[in-house]
Amino acid sequence: MNYLNTMYGKKHQQSSTDTKNPNRVAGGLKGQGVDHFELLGENGVIQKIPTQRYVQALEAQLRVQREALSRIEKKMYSIRQT
């Protein structure tokens, strides 16, 4: 029975947003026009509010950039020490 479960059982897939390039995700959302929605205020002013998914894509971009920057800083620090 264990063999059948491993062969035909449900497999857990990784989240697709974890494996995708955050730059392409944010660009795709912006290109589709779903990066914001507009609200009409009581005073007649239209406000553009970013969607939660777009904000999460931007946060993922920042996370990747911070990781790259910290790696570069570590390399620079190790070069200075030698």
PDB file of N, CA and C in Angstrom:
ATOM      1  N   MET A   1       0.813  -1.193   0.000  1.00  0.00           N
ATOM      2  CA  MET A   1       0.000   0.000   0.000  1.00  0.00           C
ATOM      3  C   MET A   1       0.862   1.264   0.000  1.00  0.00           C
ATOM      4  N   ASN A   2       2.000   1.233   0.672  1.00  0.00           N
ATOM      5  CA  ASN A   2       2.876   2.389   0.715  1.00  0.00           C
ATOM      6  C   ASN A   2       3.395   2.729  -0.684  1.00  0.00           C
ATOM      7  N   TYR A   3       3.674   1.710  -1.485  1.00  0.00           N
ATOM      8  CA  TYR A   3       4.144   1.931  -2.848  1.00  0.00           C
ATOM      9  C   TYR A   3       3.081   2.658  -3.665  1.00  0.00           C
ATOM     10  N   LEU A   4       1.837   2.241  -3.513  1.00  0.00           N
ATOM     11  CA  LEU A   4       0.749   2.879  -4.254  1.00  0.00           C
ATOM     12  C   LEU A   4       0.535   4.322  -3.799  1.00  0.00           C
ATOM     13  N   ASN A   5       0.684   4.563  -2.509  1.00  0.00           N
ATOM     14  CA  ASN A   5       0.541   5.932  -2.010  1.00  0.00           C
ATOM     15  C   ASN A   5       1.630   6.848  -2.563  1.00  0.00           C
ATOM     16  N   THR A   6       2.857   6.327  -2.608  1.00  0.00           N
ATOM     17  CA  THR A   6       3.932   7.163  -3.138  1.00  0.00           C
ATOM     18  C   THR A   6       3.779   7.381  -4.635  1.00  0.00           C
ATOM     19  N   MET A   7       3.209   6.408  -5.334  1.00  0.00           N
ATOM     20  CA  MET A   7       3.076   6.521  -6.771  1.00  0.00           C
ATOM     21  C   MET A   7       1.884   7.396  -7.183  1.00  0.00           C
ATOM     22  N   TYR A   8       0.761   7.215  -6.488  1.00  0.00           N
ATOM     23  CA  TYR A   8      -0.454   7.904  -6.898  1.00  0.00           C
ATOM     24  C   TYR A   8      -0.963   8.929  -5.890  1.00  0.00           C
ATOM     25  N   GLY A   9      -0.295   9.074  -4.775  1.00  0.00           N
ATOM     26  CA  GLY A   9      -0.739  10.018  -3.761  1.00  0.00           C
ATOM     27  C   GLY A   9      -0.494  11.459  -4.189  1.00  0.00           C
ATOM     28  N   LYS A  10      -1.121  12.363  -3.473  1.00  0.00           N
ATOM     29  CA  LYS A  10      -0.932  13.779  -3.774  1.00  0.00           C
ATOM     30  C   LYS A  10       0.476  14.191  -3.392  1.00  0.00           C
ATOM     31  N   LYS A  11       1.071  14.953  -4.254  1.00  0.00           N
ATOM     32  CA  LYS A  11       2.413  15.447  -3.994  1.00  0.00           C
ATOM     33  C   LYS A  11       2.319  16.912  -3.643  1.00  0.00           C
ATOM     34  N   HIS A  12       3.060  17.305  -2.636  1.00  0.00           N
ATOM     35  CA  HIS A  12       3.075  18.703  -2.227  1.00  0.00           C
ATOM     36  C   HIS A  12       4.017  19.466  -3.146  1.00  0.00           C
ATOM     37  N   GLN A  13       3.467  20.468  -3.806  1.00  0.00           N
ATOM     38  CA  GLN A  13       4.283  21.283  -4.687  1.00  0.00           C
ATOM     39  C   GLN A  13       4.703  22.540  -3.957  1.00  0.00           C
ATOM     40  N   GLN A  14       5.854  23.045  -4.356  1.00  0.00           N
ATOM     41  CA  GLN A  14       6.320  24.286  -3.766  1.00  0.00           C
ATOM     42  C   GLN A  14       5.448  25.423  -4.264  1.00  0.00           C
ATOM     43  N   SER A  15       5.371  26.424  -3.462  1.00  0.00           N
ATOM     44  CA  SER A  15       4.624  27.609  -3.859  1.00  0.00           C
ATOM     45  C   SER A  15       5.256  28.203  -5.106  1.00  0.00           C
ATOM     46  N   SER A  16       4.429  28.561  -6.076  1.00  0.00           N
ATOM     47  CA  SER A  16       4.962  29.056  -7.336  1.00  0.00           C
ATOM     48  C   SER A  16       5.612  30.422  -7.181  1.00  0.00           C
ATOM     49  N   THR A  17       5.208  31.208  -6.180  1.00  0.00           N
ATOM     50  CA  THR A  17       5.819  32.521  -6.007  1.00  0.00           C
ATOM     51  C   THR A  17       7.225  32.412  -5.424  1.00  0.00           C
ATOM     52  N   ASP A  18       7.549  31.303  -4.766  1.00  0.00           N
ATOM     53  CA  ASP A  18       8.885  31.139  -4.203  1.00  0.00           C
ATOM     54  C   ASP A  18       9.923  30.884  -5.297  1.00  0.00           C
ATOM     55  N   THR A  19       9.515  30.217  -6.369  1.00  0.00           N
ATOM     56  CA  THR A  19      10.461  29.849  -7.401  1.00  0.00           C
ATOM     57  C   THR A  19      10.518  30.863  -8.531  1.00  0.00           C
ATOM     58  N   LYS A  20       9.577  31.792  -8.579  1.00  0.00           N
ATOM     59  CA  LYS A  20       9.547  32.766  -9.665  1.00  0.00           C
ATOM     60  C   LYS A  20      10.433  33.958  -9.343  1.00  0.00           C
ATOM     61  N   ASN A  21      10.903  34.595 -10.397  1.00  0.00           N
ATOM     62  CA  ASN A  21      11.704  35.798 -10.263  1.00  0.00           C
ATOM     63  C   ASN A  21      10.791  36.943  -9.818  1.00  0.00           C
ATOM     64  N   PRO A  22      11.061  37.569  -8.675  1.00  0.00           N
ATOM     65  CA  PRO A  22      10.158  38.617  -8.174  1.00  0.00           C
ATOM     66  C   PRO A  22      10.060  39.822  -9.104  1.00  0.00           C
ATOM     67  N   ASN A  23      11.101  40.082  -9.877  1.00  0.00           N
ATOM     68  CA  ASN A  23      11.036  41.193 -10.822  1.00  0.00           C
ATOM     69  C   ASN A  23       9.997  40.917 -11.908  1.00  0.00           C
ATOM     70  N   ARG A  24       9.943  39.683 -12.359  1.00  0.00           N
ATOM     71  CA  ARG A  24       8.982  39.328 -13.401  1.00  0.00           C
ATOM     72  C   ARG A  24       7.566  39.283 -12.849  1.00  0.00           C
ATOM     73  N   VAL A  25       7.422  38.874 -11.594  1.00  0.00           N
ATOM     74  CA  VAL A  25       6.090  38.829 -10.982  1.00  0.00           C
ATOM     75  C   VAL A  25       5.527  40.236 -10.875  1.00  0.00           C
ATOM     76  N   ALA A  26       6.327  41.163 -10.349  1.00  0.00           N
ATOM     77  CA  ALA A  26       5.864  42.535 -10.196  1.00  0.00           C
ATOM     78  C   ALA A  26       5.604  43.173 -11.557  1.00  0.00           C
ATOM     79  N   GLY A  27       6.475  42.927 -12.511  1.00  0.00           N
ATOM     80  CA  GLY A  27       6.279  43.469 -13.857  1.00  0.00           C
ATOM     81  C   GLY A  27       5.044  42.906 -14.530  1.00  0.00           C
ATOM     82  N   GLY A  28       4.788  41.626 -14.307  1.00  0.00           N
ATOM     83  CA  GLY A  28       3.599  41.001 -14.890  1.00  0.00           C
ATOM     84  C   GLY A  28       2.320  41.569 -14.307  1.00  0.00           C
ATOM     85  N   LEU A  29       2.319  41.785 -13.000  1.00  0.00           N
ATOM     86  CA  LEU A  29       1.137  42.367 -12.364  1.00  0.00           C
ATOM     87  C   LEU A  29       0.888  43.783 -12.874  1.00  0.00           C
ATOM     88  N   LYS A  30       1.972  44.525 -13.026  1.00  0.00           N
ATOM     89  CA  LYS A  30       1.833  45.895 -13.507  1.00  0.00           C
ATOM     90  C   LYS A  30       1.391  45.901 -14.965  1.00  0.00           C
ATOM     91  N   GLY A  31       1.925  45.000 -15.754  1.00  0.00           N
ATOM     92  CA  GLY A  31       1.560  44.909 -17.162  1.00  0.00           C
ATOM     93  C   GLY A  31       0.109  44.518 -17.375  1.00  0.00           C
ATOM     94  N   GLN A  32      -0.418  43.686 -16.485  1.00  0.00           N
ATOM     95  CA  GLN A  32      -1.812  43.275 -16.583  1.00  0.00           C
ATOM     96  C   GLN A  32      -2.759  44.348 -16.066  1.00  0.00           C
ATOM     97  N   GLY A  33      -2.202  45.316 -15.371  1.00  0.00           N
ATOM     98  CA  GLY A  33      -3.042  46.383 -14.833  1.00  0.00           C
ATOM     99  C   GLY A  33      -3.719  46.039 -13.531  1.00  0.00           C
ATOM    100  N   VAL A  34      -3.231  45.005 -12.856  1.00  0.00           N
ATOM    101  CA  VAL A  34      -3.835  44.601 -11.579  1.00  0.00           C
ATOM    102  C   VAL A  34      -2.936  44.987 -10.409  1.00  0.00           C
ATOM    103  N   ASP A  35      -2.056  45.946 -10.632  1.00  0.00           N
ATOM    104  CA  ASP A  35      -1.163  46.365  -9.566  1.00  0.00           C
ATOM    105  C   ASP A  35      -1.813  47.374  -8.631  1.00  0.00           C
ATOM    106  N   HIS A  36      -2.956  47.917  -9.004  1.00  0.00           N
ATOM    107  CA  HIS A  36      -3.646  48.885  -8.147  1.00  0.00           C
ATOM    108  C   HIS A  36      -5.145  48.882  -8.467  1.00  0.00           C
ATOM    109  N   PHE A  37      -5.884  49.442  -7.575  1.00  0.00           N
ATOM    110  CA  PHE A  37      -7.293  49.696  -7.852  1.00  0.00           C
ATOM    111  C   PHE A  37      -7.596  51.117  -7.422  1.00  0.00           C
ATOM    112  N   GLU A  38      -8.638  51.663  -8.009  1.00  0.00           N
ATOM    113  CA  GLU A  38      -8.950  53.065  -7.781  1.00  0.00           C
ATOM    114  C   GLU A  38     -10.199  53.195  -6.929  1.00  0.00           C
ATOM    115  N   LEU A  39     -10.126  54.107  -5.982  1.00  0.00           N
ATOM    116  CA  LEU A  39     -11.274  54.414  -5.129  1.00  0.00           C
ATOM    117  C   LEU A  39     -11.645  55.873  -5.312  1.00  0.00           C
ATOM    118  N   LEU A  40     -12.919  56.113  -5.330  1.00  0.00           N
ATOM    119  CA  LEU A  40     -13.400  57.484  -5.410  1.00  0.00           C
ATOM    120  C   LEU A  40     -13.769  57.925  -4.002  1.00  0.00           C
ATOM    121  N   GLY A  41     -13.068  58.923  -3.504  1.00  0.00           N
ATOM    122  CA  GLY A  41     -13.314  59.418  -2.153  1.00  0.00           C
ATOM    123  C   GLY A  41     -14.568  60.279  -2.088  1.00  0.00           C
ATOM    124  N   GLU A  42     -14.964  60.580  -0.879  1.00  0.00           N
ATOM    125  CA  GLU A  42     -16.146  61.406  -0.684  1.00  0.00           C
ATOM    126  C   GLU A  42     -15.956  62.818  -1.219  1.00  0.00           C
ATOM    127  N   ASN A  43     -14.726  63.274  -1.268  1.00  0.00           N
ATOM    128  CA  ASN A  43     -14.452  64.617  -1.773  1.00  0.00           C
ATOM    129  C   ASN A  43     -14.253  64.639  -3.282  1.00  0.00           C
ATOM    130  N   GLY A  44     -14.436  63.515  -3.965  1.00  0.00           N
ATOM    131  CA  GLY A  44     -14.345  63.451  -5.418  1.00  0.00           C
ATOM    132  C   GLY A  44     -12.964  63.176  -5.958  1.00  0.00           C
ATOM    133  N   VAL A  45     -12.003  62.893  -5.097  1.00  0.00           N
ATOM    134  CA  VAL A  45     -10.633  62.619  -5.522  1.00  0.00           C
ATOM    135  C   VAL A  45     -10.467  61.109  -5.720  1.00  0.00           C
ATOM    136  N   ILE A  46      -9.868  60.757  -6.853  1.00  0.00           N
ATOM    137  CA  ILE A  46      -9.606  59.338  -7.122  1.00  0.00           C
ATOM    138  C   ILE A  46      -8.267  58.970  -6.510  1.00  0.00           C
ATOM    139  N   GLN A  47      -8.272  57.907  -5.705  1.00  0.00           N
ATOM    140  CA  GLN A  47      -7.047  57.429  -5.064  1.00  0.00           C
ATOM    141  C   GLN A  47      -6.664  56.086  -5.657  1.00  0.00           C
ATOM    142  N   LYS A  48      -5.393  55.948  -6.029  1.00  0.00           N
ATOM    143  CA  LYS A  48      -4.883  54.673  -6.521  1.00  0.00           C
ATOM    144  C   LYS A  48      -4.236  53.941  -5.358  1.00  0.00           C
ATOM    145  N   ILE A  49      -4.741  52.765  -5.048  1.00  0.00           N
ATOM    146  CA  ILE A  49      -4.247  51.984  -3.920  1.00  0.00           C
ATOM    147  C   ILE A  49      -3.630  50.695  -4.471  1.00  0.00           C
ATOM    148  N   PRO A  50      -2.377  50.385  -4.106  1.00  0.00           N
ATOM    149  CA  PRO A  50      -1.758  49.158  -4.613  1.00  0.00           C
ATOM    150  C   PRO A  50      -2.430  47.921  -4.021  1.00  0.00           C
ATOM    151  N   THR A  51      -2.476  46.868  -4.824  1.00  0.00           N
ATOM    152  CA  THR A  51      -3.058  45.618  -4.345  1.00  0.00           C
ATOM    153  C   THR A  51      -2.074  44.911  -3.423  1.00  0.00           C
ATOM    154  N   GLN A  52      -2.602  44.038  -2.617  1.00  0.00           N
ATOM    155  CA  GLN A  52      -1.762  43.318  -1.656  1.00  0.00           C
ATOM    156  C   GLN A  52      -0.771  42.416  -2.382  1.00  0.00           C
ATOM    157  N   ARG A  53      -1.207  41.818  -3.466  1.00  0.00           N
ATOM    158  CA  ARG A  53      -0.329  40.922  -4.219  1.00  0.00           C
ATOM    159  C   ARG A  53       0.845  41.698  -4.818  1.00  0.00           C
ATOM    160  N   TYR A  54       0.588  42.910  -5.304  1.00  0.00           N
ATOM    161  CA  TYR A  54       1.648  43.739  -5.870  1.00  0.00           C
ATOM    162  C   TYR A  54       2.633  44.167  -4.787  1.00  0.00           C
ATOM    163  N   VAL A  55       2.119  44.515  -3.620  1.00  0.00           N
ATOM    164  CA  VAL A  55       2.990  44.910  -2.510  1.00  0.00           C
ATOM    165  C   VAL A  55       3.858  43.730  -2.085  1.00  0.00           C
ATOM    166  N   GLN A  56       3.292  42.536  -2.062  1.00  0.00           N
ATOM    167  CA  GLN A  56       4.073  41.350  -1.716  1.00  0.00           C
ATOM    168  C   GLN A  56       5.163  41.091  -2.748  1.00  0.00           C
ATOM    169  N   ALA A  57       4.863  41.332  -4.027  1.00  0.00           N
ATOM    170  CA  ALA A  57       5.880  41.157  -5.071  1.00  0.00           C
ATOM    171  C   ALA A  57       7.014  42.160  -4.888  1.00  0.00           C
ATOM    172  N   LEU A  58       6.669  43.395  -4.523  1.00  0.00           N
ATOM    173  CA  LEU A  58       7.708  44.396  -4.277  1.00  0.00           C
ATOM    174  C   LEU A  58       8.543  44.043  -3.054  1.00  0.00           C
ATOM    175  N   GLU A  59       7.890  43.494  -2.019  1.00  0.00           N
ATOM    176  CA  GLU A  59       8.635  43.067  -0.835  1.00  0.00           C
ATOM    177  C   GLU A  59       9.588  41.933  -1.184  1.00  0.00           C
ATOM    178  N   ALA A  60       9.160  41.028  -2.063  1.00  0.00           N
ATOM    179  CA  ALA A  60      10.044  39.942  -2.491  1.00  0.00           C
ATOM    180  C   ALA A  60      11.235  40.493  -3.260  1.00  0.00           C
ATOM    181  N   GLN A  61      10.998  41.521  -4.089  1.00  0.00           N
ATOM    182  CA  GLN A  61      12.102  42.162  -4.793  1.00  0.00           C
ATOM    183  C   GLN A  61      13.103  42.747  -3.801  1.00  0.00           C
ATOM    184  N   LEU A  62      12.600  43.432  -2.798  1.00  0.00           N
ATOM    185  CA  LEU A  62      13.476  44.026  -1.790  1.00  0.00           C
ATOM    186  C   LEU A  62      14.273  42.964  -1.048  1.00  0.00           C
ATOM    187  N   ARG A  63      13.618  41.867  -0.726  1.00  0.00           N
ATOM    188  CA  ARG A  63      14.285  40.786  -0.001  1.00  0.00           C
ATOM    189  C   ARG A  63      15.453  40.237  -0.813  1.00  0.00           C
ATOM    190  N   VAL A  64      15.230  40.017  -2.115  1.00  0.00           N
ATOM    191  CA  VAL A  64      16.290  39.488  -2.975  1.00  0.00           C
ATOM    192  C   VAL A  64      17.435  40.493  -3.073  1.00  0.00           C
ATOM    193  N   GLN A  65      17.102  41.776  -3.217  1.00  0.00           N
ATOM    194  CA  GLN A  65      18.135  42.800  -3.327  1.00  0.00           C
ATOM    195  C   GLN A  65      18.944  42.926  -2.040  1.00  0.00           C
ATOM    196  N   ARG A  66      18.266  42.831  -0.896  1.00  0.00           N
ATOM    197  CA  ARG A  66      18.985  42.913   0.387  1.00  0.00           C
ATOM    198  C   ARG A  66      19.913  41.738   0.577  1.00  0.00           C
ATOM    199  N   GLU A  67      19.469  40.535   0.163  1.00  0.00           N
ATOM    200  CA  GLU A  67      20.320  39.358   0.274  1.00  0.00           C
ATOM    201  C   GLU A  67      21.559  39.516  -0.607  1.00  0.00           C
ATOM    202  N   ALA A  68      21.365  40.006  -1.828  1.00  0.00           N
ATOM    203  CA  ALA A  68      22.500  40.211  -2.731  1.00  0.00           C
ATOM    204  C   ALA A  68      23.452  41.257  -2.167  1.00  0.00           C
ATOM    205  N   LEU A  69      22.909  42.326  -1.615  1.00  0.00           N
ATOM    206  CA  LEU A  69      23.744  43.381  -1.040  1.00  0.00           C
ATOM    207  C   LEU A  69      24.536  42.874   0.163  1.00  0.00           C
ATOM    208  N   SER A  70      23.900  42.054   0.996  1.00  0.00           N
ATOM    209  CA  SER A  70      24.619  41.536   2.164  1.00  0.00           C
ATOM    210  C   SER A  70      25.743  40.588   1.731  1.00  0.00           C
ATOM    211  N   ARG A  71      25.509  39.791   0.662  1.00  0.00           N
ATOM    212  CA  ARG A  71      26.571  38.923   0.161  1.00  0.00           C
ATOM    213  C   ARG A  71      27.744  39.747  -0.359  1.00  0.00           C
ATOM    214  N   ILE A  72      27.441  40.816  -1.079  1.00  0.00           N
ATOM    215  CA  ILE A  72      28.504  41.671  -1.613  1.00  0.00           C
ATOM    216  C   ILE A  72      29.274  42.340  -0.480  1.00  0.00           C
ATOM    217  N   GLU A  73      28.562  42.820   0.534  1.00  0.00           N
ATOM    218  CA  GLU A  73      29.229  43.447   1.668  1.00  0.00           C
ATOM    219  C   GLU A  73      30.128  42.468   2.403  1.00  0.00           C
ATOM    220  N   LYS A  74      29.688  41.225   2.540  1.00  0.00           N
ATOM    221  CA  LYS A  74      30.524  40.210   3.193  1.00  0.00           C
ATOM    222  C   LYS A  74      31.792  39.952   2.386  1.00  0.00           C
ATOM    223  N   LYS A  75      31.661  39.911   1.065  1.00  0.00           N
ATOM    224  CA  LYS A  75      32.834  39.709   0.220  1.00  0.00           C
ATOM    225  C   LYS A  75      33.788  40.883   0.334  1.00  0.00           C
ATOM    226  N   MET A  76      33.244  42.097   0.348  1.00  0.00           N
ATOM    227  CA  MET A  76      34.094  43.275   0.483  1.00  0.00           C
ATOM    228  C   MET A  76      34.802  43.284   1.826  1.00  0.00           C
ATOM    229  N   TYR A  77      34.094  42.896   2.872  1.00  0.00           N
ATOM    230  CA  TYR A  77      34.699  42.875   4.202  1.00  0.00           C
ATOM    231  C   TYR A  77      35.817  41.847   4.260  1.00  0.00           C
ATOM    232  N   SER A  78      35.602  40.681   3.628  1.00  0.00           N
ATOM    233  CA  SER A  78      36.640  39.655   3.666  1.00  0.00           C
ATOM    234  C   SER A  78      37.845  40.072   2.839  1.00  0.00           C
ATOM    235  N   ILE A  79      37.639  40.830   1.774  1.00  0.00           N
ATOM    236  CA  ILE A  79      38.759  41.308   0.952  1.00  0.00           C
ATOM    237  C   ILE A  79      39.564  42.338   1.727  1.00  0.00           C
ATOM    238  N   ARG A  80      38.886  43.212   2.476  1.00  0.00           N
ATOM    239  CA  ARG A  80      39.589  44.240   3.262  1.00  0.00           C
ATOM    240  C   ARG A  80      40.436  43.616   4.367  1.00  0.00           C
ATOM    241  N   GLN A  81      39.995  42.504   4.891  1.00  0.00           N
ATOM    242  CA  GLN A  81      40.709  41.854   5.995  1.00  0.00           C
ATOM    243  C   GLN A  81      42.006  41.220   5.536  1.00  0.00           C
ATOM    244  N   THR A  82      42.094  40.888   4.246  1.00  0.00           N
ATOM    245  CA  THR A  82      43.315  40.229   3.765  1.00  0.00           C
ATOM    246  C   THR A  82      44.354  41.205   3.321  1.00  0.00           C
TER     247      THR A  82
END
